[in-house]
Amino acid sequence: MNEIASPTADLAVVAQGLVKRFGDFRAVDGVDLEIRRGEVYGVLGPNGAGKTTTLKMLATLLPIDAGSASIFGVDVARYPHQIRQLVGVTGQYASVDENLTGRENLVLFGRLLGLSARRARQTAYELLESFGLTDAADRQIQKFSGGMRRRLDLAASLIARPPLIFLDEPTTGLDPRTRGQMWDTIRDLVAGGATVLLTTQYLDEADQLADRIAVIDRGQKVAEGTPEELKTSVGDSTLQVRLADRERAAEAAGLVENVLGTAPLLTPEAGGLSIALPDANRAADVLIALRQAGLEITTASVQQPTLDEVFLALTGHGTETEIEEVA
């Protein structure tokens, strides 16, 4: 039997040509991934893009229909039991028992993973302390806030001290303050030597946390790189414009597309346009065209591109788009 490879391997995850079909629908369509040990690797895309399905295949929760994957050198399809020793998974929704306390949940998970009663209690104590849940340790989960539930769920996935952690949209539904706390927790995990695969539809989350990002759209990887590399790929700078008359935002967007050949990112509610520039000098061309069309501008500034512009340029739509997915 193949032995578990050392977590000191340069690559934590290697996936080639991953495919997952549901009938005639390809939820994942030939995705390649290489994730280095000790990094946060972000998989960015809208709902239904295939992010969660990809993660489930790597975590042995769904069979791989085509292609191959290995984690620390262990083949995912051939040795699923070994893979489960290497991976901790935190899904989109808390998997804890509502009627048990936080401490009882962690002790239960520890016992299910084969820890002795004494070791399970000690591990629960350490994790509750690490995640700032000591004061609420003996409170029923149904009385926890959303952020506390997510932290406990993440703590539960770390009981076996896995070298690779899958986080599937870990901050979905959390308020900004709690999201920030979760981000700090993820940074601490990586500082402690873990490797993290993070799926998210939040552009700012990928920008804040990920060392490298794969952009997934309609089951396919359409780009990969560091946040800075992806931003540079769509232009050296971005022109941010706000119109005096927000009702004319769509008209302005069409005008910009005529000038530059690409559509801007539009926020019609605020009368705003975010315009990726192939050259910072083209900002003058856009502003002149808007003025000649009688479109009054209240503010204008040139900035570095954001991941919003990157995603729009790569896919033709924003991450708020929801794509139908079978699973």
Protein backbone atom coordinates (compact mmCIF):
# COMPACT_ATOMS: atom_id res chain seq x y z
CA MET A 1 0.00 0.00 0.00
CA ASN A 2 1.16 3.48 -0.81
CA GLU A 3 2.47 5.29 2.28
CA ILE A 4 1.35 8.73 3.27
CA ALA A 5 3.77 11.19 1.74
CA SER A 6 5.59 13.64 3.98
CA PRO A 7 3.86 16.98 4.45
CA THR A 8 7.26 18.55 3.64
CA ALA A 9 6.55 17.94 -0.07
CA ASP A 10 6.77 21.12 -2.15
CA LEU A 11 3.25 20.67 -3.49
CA ALA A 12 0.33 19.98 -1.19
CA VAL A 13 -2.20 19.42 -3.99
CA VAL A 14 -1.80 18.46 -7.63
CA ALA A 15 -4.93 18.11 -9.79
CA GLN A 16 -4.97 17.51 -13.53
CA GLY A 17 -8.02 17.66 -15.78
CA LEU A 18 -10.60 17.22 -13.02
CA VAL A 19 -14.08 16.53 -14.37
CA LYS A 20 -17.38 16.06 -12.58
CA ARG A 21 -20.58 15.32 -14.52
CA PHE A 22 -24.19 15.32 -13.38
CA GLY A 23 -26.01 13.81 -16.30
CA ASP A 24 -25.11 15.90 -19.35
CA PHE A 25 -24.02 18.85 -17.19
CA ARG A 26 -20.30 19.33 -16.48
CA ALA A 27 -20.07 21.03 -13.10
CA VAL A 28 -16.27 20.82 -13.29
CA ASP A 29 -14.74 20.72 -16.74
CA GLY A 30 -11.02 19.97 -16.87
CA VAL A 31 -9.65 21.93 -13.90
CA ASP A 32 -5.89 21.87 -13.15
CA LEU A 33 -4.54 22.97 -9.77
CA GLU A 34 -1.15 23.07 -8.06
CA ILE A 35 -1.15 24.23 -4.44
CA ARG A 36 2.13 24.77 -2.63
CA ARG A 37 2.69 23.74 0.95
CA GLY A 38 2.17 26.58 3.43
CA GLU A 39 0.14 28.90 1.20
CA VAL A 40 -3.46 30.08 1.09
CA TYR A 41 -4.79 29.17 -2.33
CA GLY A 42 -8.02 30.90 -3.23
CA VAL A 43 -10.59 29.49 -5.66
CA LEU A 44 -12.73 32.44 -6.71
CA GLY A 45 -16.02 32.33 -8.59
CA PRO A 46 -19.76 32.99 -8.42
CA ASN A 47 -22.31 30.61 -6.92
CA GLY A 48 -22.54 27.52 -9.12
CA ALA A 49 -19.17 28.00 -10.83
CA GLY A 50 -17.90 24.60 -9.67
CA LYS A 51 -15.83 25.67 -6.64
CA THR A 52 -17.54 23.45 -4.05
CA THR A 53 -17.74 20.49 -6.44
CA THR A 54 -13.98 20.72 -7.04
CA LEU A 55 -13.32 20.81 -3.30
CA LYS A 56 -15.63 17.84 -2.69
CA MET A 57 -13.74 15.74 -5.23
CA LEU A 58 -10.40 16.59 -3.62
CA ALA A 59 -11.83 15.78 -0.18
CA THR A 60 -13.16 12.36 -1.40
CA LEU A 61 -16.76 13.48 -0.83
CA LEU A 62 -17.54 13.06 -4.55
CA PRO A 63 -15.95 10.60 -7.00
CA ILE A 64 -13.72 12.02 -9.73
CA ASP A 65 -15.25 11.28 -13.15
CA ALA A 66 -12.10 12.10 -15.14
CA GLY A 67 -8.63 13.44 -14.47
CA SER A 68 -6.49 12.82 -11.41
CA ALA A 69 -5.59 14.40 -8.08
CA SER A 70 -3.06 13.80 -5.33
CA ILE A 71 -2.56 15.35 -1.89
CA PHE A 72 0.99 15.27 -0.52
CA GLY A 73 1.70 12.62 -3.14
CA VAL A 74 -1.23 10.37 -2.19
CA ASP A 75 -3.67 9.54 -4.99
CA VAL A 76 -7.13 10.82 -4.05
CA ALA A 77 -9.12 8.18 -5.94
CA ARG A 78 -6.99 5.17 -4.92
CA TYR A 79 -6.39 5.96 -1.26
CA PRO A 80 -9.38 7.93 0.07
CA HIS A 81 -8.87 6.79 3.68
CA GLN A 82 -5.32 8.15 3.71
CA ILE A 83 -6.50 11.40 2.15
CA ARG A 84 -8.98 11.87 5.01
CA GLN A 85 -6.06 11.72 7.45
CA LEU A 86 -4.39 14.62 5.65
CA VAL A 87 -7.38 16.92 5.18
CA GLY A 88 -9.68 18.91 7.43
CA VAL A 89 -12.88 20.22 5.83
CA THR A 90 -15.06 23.13 6.90
CA GLY A 91 -18.15 23.39 4.72
CA GLN A 92 -20.47 26.30 4.03
CA TYR A 93 -22.77 25.38 6.91
CA ALA A 94 -21.95 24.44 10.50
CA SER A 95 -21.88 20.68 11.04
CA VAL A 96 -22.12 20.83 14.83
CA ASP A 97 -24.94 19.46 17.01
CA GLU A 98 -27.25 22.30 18.08
CA ASN A 99 -28.27 20.59 21.30
CA LEU A 100 -24.74 20.01 22.61
CA THR A 101 -22.39 22.58 24.08
CA GLY A 102 -19.30 23.73 22.28
CA ARG A 103 -17.10 21.59 24.50
CA GLU A 104 -19.32 18.53 24.08
CA ASN A 105 -19.22 18.88 20.30
CA LEU A 106 -15.45 18.96 20.17
CA VAL A 107 -15.08 16.06 22.60
CA LEU A 108 -17.57 14.06 20.52
CA PHE A 109 -15.65 14.73 17.29
CA GLY A 110 -12.41 13.80 19.03
CA ARG A 111 -13.82 10.49 20.21
CA LEU A 112 -15.19 9.75 16.73
CA LEU A 113 -11.67 10.33 15.38
CA GLY A 114 -10.28 7.74 17.79
CA LEU A 115 -8.88 9.94 20.56
CA SER A 116 -9.00 8.67 24.11
CA ALA A 117 -11.50 10.39 26.41
CA ARG A 118 -8.69 12.23 28.20
CA ARG A 119 -7.01 13.33 24.97
CA ALA A 120 -10.35 14.41 23.44
CA ARG A 121 -11.07 16.62 26.45
CA GLN A 122 -7.58 18.14 26.34
CA THR A 123 -7.81 18.80 22.60
CA ALA A 124 -11.23 20.40 23.04
CA TYR A 125 -9.85 22.68 25.76
CA GLU A 126 -6.90 23.74 23.57
CA LEU A 127 -9.08 24.47 20.54
CA LEU A 128 -11.69 26.41 22.51
CA GLU A 129 -8.91 28.56 23.90
CA SER A 130 -7.24 29.04 20.50
CA PHE A 131 -10.50 30.15 18.88
CA GLY A 132 -11.59 32.47 21.69
CA LEU A 133 -14.53 30.28 22.72
CA THR A 134 -13.55 29.41 26.27
CA ASP A 135 -16.21 31.62 27.86
CA ALA A 136 -18.92 30.00 25.74
CA ALA A 137 -17.58 26.46 25.99
CA ASP A 138 -20.47 25.15 28.07
CA ARG A 139 -23.21 26.99 26.21
CA GLN A 140 -25.51 25.12 23.82
CA ILE A 141 -24.68 25.73 20.15
CA GLN A 142 -28.20 26.97 19.47
CA LYS A 143 -27.29 30.00 21.60
CA PHE A 144 -24.09 30.74 19.64
CA SER A 145 -23.84 33.64 17.19
CA GLY A 146 -23.16 32.89 13.53
CA GLY A 147 -19.49 33.79 13.89
CA MET A 148 -19.06 31.59 16.95
CA ARG A 149 -20.61 28.64 15.09
CA ARG A 150 -18.21 29.11 12.18
CA ARG A 151 -15.22 29.27 14.53
CA LEU A 152 -16.36 26.12 16.32
CA ASP A 153 -16.90 24.34 13.01
CA LEU A 154 -13.37 25.28 11.95
CA ALA A 155 -12.03 24.12 15.32
CA ALA A 156 -13.76 20.75 14.84
CA SER A 157 -12.01 20.27 11.49
CA LEU A 158 -8.63 20.75 13.20
CA ILE A 159 -8.98 18.09 15.91
CA ALA A 160 -6.79 15.65 13.96
CA ARG A 161 -4.22 18.41 13.23
CA PRO A 162 -4.41 17.99 9.42
CA PRO A 163 -1.65 19.60 7.33
CA LEU A 164 -4.20 20.66 4.66
CA ILE A 165 -7.42 22.56 5.43
CA PHE A 166 -10.30 23.03 2.98
CA LEU A 167 -12.45 26.06 3.75
CA ASP A 168 -15.58 26.24 1.61
CA GLU A 169 -16.85 29.84 1.72
CA PRO A 170 -16.08 30.09 5.46
CA THR A 171 -17.44 33.62 5.93
CA THR A 172 -20.74 33.33 4.03
CA GLY A 173 -23.49 35.15 5.95
CA LEU A 174 -21.16 36.70 8.52
CA ASP A 175 -21.11 40.40 9.38
CA PRO A 176 -17.98 42.42 8.47
CA ARG A 177 -16.54 42.35 12.00
CA THR A 178 -16.91 38.58 12.33
CA ARG A 179 -15.51 38.07 8.83
CA GLY A 180 -12.42 39.99 9.92
CA GLN A 181 -12.06 37.71 12.94
CA MET A 182 -12.28 34.64 10.71
CA TRP A 183 -9.62 36.10 8.44
CA ASP A 184 -7.29 36.51 11.42
CA THR A 185 -7.96 32.90 12.41
CA ILE A 186 -7.07 31.67 8.91
CA ARG A 187 -3.85 33.71 8.94
CA ASP A 188 -2.94 32.14 12.29
CA LEU A 189 -3.48 28.64 10.86
CA VAL A 190 -1.08 29.34 8.01
CA ALA A 191 1.46 30.90 10.38
CA GLY A 192 1.27 27.63 12.31
CA GLY A 193 2.30 25.63 9.22
CA ALA A 194 -1.03 24.68 7.64
CA THR A 195 -1.87 24.84 3.96
CA VAL A 196 -5.30 26.28 3.14
CA LEU A 197 -7.53 25.83 0.09
CA LEU A 198 -10.15 28.55 0.32
CA THR A 199 -13.21 28.82 -1.93
CA THR A 200 -14.96 32.16 -1.94
CA GLN A 201 -17.21 34.42 -3.98
CA TYR A 202 -15.97 37.49 -2.09
CA LEU A 203 -13.35 39.39 -4.05
CA ASP A 204 -12.07 41.25 -1.02
CA GLU A 205 -11.63 37.97 0.88
CA ALA A 206 -9.48 36.48 -1.88
CA ASP A 207 -7.47 39.71 -2.07
CA GLN A 208 -6.92 39.78 1.71
CA LEU A 209 -6.01 36.13 2.27
CA ALA A 210 -4.82 34.33 -0.84
CA ASP A 211 -1.19 34.00 -1.90
CA ARG A 212 -2.45 32.78 -5.27
CA ILE A 213 -5.91 32.68 -6.83
CA ALA A 214 -7.60 30.47 -9.40
CA VAL A 215 -10.59 32.08 -11.09
CA ILE A 216 -13.27 29.47 -11.82
CA ASP A 217 -16.20 30.17 -14.12
CA ARG A 218 -18.74 27.69 -15.50
CA GLY A 219 -16.66 24.74 -14.35
CA GLN A 220 -13.40 25.88 -15.91
CA LYS A 221 -10.28 27.62 -14.60
CA VAL A 222 -10.00 30.82 -16.61
CA ALA A 223 -7.00 32.39 -14.86
CA GLU A 224 -4.47 31.83 -12.09
CA GLY A 225 -1.88 33.97 -10.34
CA THR A 226 -1.15 36.16 -7.36
CA PRO A 227 -3.67 38.95 -6.70
CA GLU A 228 -1.16 41.45 -8.10
CA GLU A 229 -0.52 39.39 -11.24
CA LEU A 230 -4.24 39.09 -11.93
CA LYS A 231 -4.78 42.82 -11.44
CA THR A 232 -1.90 43.67 -13.76
CA SER A 233 -3.33 41.32 -16.41
CA VAL A 234 -6.32 43.61 -17.02
CA GLY A 235 -4.36 46.85 -17.25
CA ASP A 236 -1.99 49.10 -15.37
CA SER A 237 -4.72 51.19 -13.77
CA THR A 238 -8.45 51.71 -13.34
CA LEU A 239 -10.48 54.88 -13.82
CA GLN A 240 -13.19 55.27 -11.18
CA VAL A 241 -15.96 57.64 -12.30
CA ARG A 242 -19.16 58.77 -10.59
CA LEU A 243 -21.86 60.47 -12.65
CA ALA A 244 -24.06 63.33 -11.50
CA ASP A 245 -27.05 61.64 -13.16
CA ARG A 246 -27.06 57.98 -12.11
CA GLU A 247 -29.90 57.26 -14.53
CA ARG A 248 -27.41 57.68 -17.38
CA ALA A 249 -24.92 55.12 -16.04
CA ALA A 250 -25.81 52.50 -18.68
CA GLU A 251 -25.42 55.11 -21.42
CA ALA A 252 -22.00 56.04 -20.05
CA ALA A 253 -20.98 52.38 -19.91
CA GLY A 254 -21.84 51.94 -23.58
CA LEU A 255 -19.83 55.01 -24.47
CA VAL A 256 -16.80 53.73 -22.56
CA GLU A 257 -17.05 50.38 -24.34
CA ASN A 258 -17.01 52.19 -27.69
CA VAL A 259 -13.89 54.11 -26.71
CA LEU A 260 -11.87 51.27 -25.15
CA GLY A 261 -13.44 48.14 -26.66
CA THR A 262 -14.26 46.63 -23.25
CA ALA A 263 -17.21 47.19 -20.94
CA PRO A 264 -16.65 48.81 -17.53
CA LEU A 265 -17.86 47.43 -14.22
CA LEU A 266 -21.11 49.25 -13.53
CA THR A 267 -22.76 50.16 -10.21
CA PRO A 268 -25.91 51.84 -11.52
CA GLU A 269 -27.41 52.49 -8.07
CA ALA A 270 -24.58 54.93 -7.32
CA GLY A 271 -24.02 56.09 -10.89
CA GLY A 272 -20.50 54.64 -10.76
CA LEU A 273 -18.23 53.12 -13.39
CA SER A 274 -15.00 51.23 -12.79
CA ILE A 275 -13.01 51.28 -16.03
CA ALA A 276 -9.96 49.06 -16.61
CA LEU A 277 -7.40 51.01 -18.66
CA PRO A 278 -4.89 49.30 -20.97
CA ASP A 279 -2.81 52.47 -20.54
CA ALA A 280 -3.27 55.18 -17.92
CA ASN A 281 -3.15 57.78 -20.70
CA ARG A 282 -6.46 56.43 -22.06
CA ALA A 283 -8.21 57.96 -19.03
CA ALA A 284 -8.18 61.30 -20.87
CA ASP A 285 -9.90 59.74 -23.89
CA VAL A 286 -12.71 58.40 -21.71
CA LEU A 287 -13.22 61.66 -19.82
CA ILE A 288 -13.30 63.69 -23.04
CA ALA A 289 -15.85 61.31 -24.59
CA LEU A 290 -18.09 61.56 -21.51
CA ARG A 291 -17.89 65.34 -21.54
CA GLN A 292 -18.70 65.55 -25.26
CA ALA A 293 -21.77 63.38 -24.63
CA GLY A 294 -22.96 65.79 -21.96
CA LEU A 295 -22.44 63.32 -19.11
CA GLU A 296 -21.51 65.35 -16.03
CA ILE A 297 -18.98 63.77 -13.65
CA THR A 298 -18.93 64.43 -9.90
CA THR A 299 -15.71 62.50 -9.13
CA ALA A 300 -12.96 60.78 -11.11
CA SER A 301 -9.78 59.05 -9.98
CA VAL A 302 -7.21 56.65 -11.43
CA GLN A 303 -6.39 53.63 -9.25
CA GLN A 304 -4.79 50.21 -9.48
CA PRO A 305 -7.26 47.59 -10.83
CA THR A 306 -9.26 45.58 -8.31
CA LEU A 307 -10.24 41.92 -8.46
CA ASP A 308 -13.72 43.10 -9.49
CA GLU A 309 -12.27 44.38 -12.78
CA VAL A 310 -10.22 41.21 -13.15
CA PHE A 311 -13.25 38.96 -12.81
CA LEU A 312 -15.36 41.07 -15.13
CA ALA A 313 -12.62 41.15 -17.78
CA LEU A 314 -12.10 37.38 -17.59
CA THR A 315 -15.71 36.22 -17.49
CA GLY A 316 -17.86 39.06 -18.79
CA HIS A 317 -19.90 39.16 -15.57
CA GLY A 318 -19.44 39.88 -11.87
CA THR A 319 -19.17 37.35 -9.03
CA GLU A 320 -22.74 38.10 -7.99
CA THR A 321 -23.91 36.13 -11.04
CA GLU A 322 -25.42 32.79 -10.05
CA ILE A 323 -24.85 29.91 -12.43
CA GLU A 324 -27.11 26.89 -12.31
CA GLU A 325 -25.31 23.91 -10.82
CA VAL A 326 -26.65 20.45 -10.12
CA ALA A 327 -24.67 20.00 -6.88
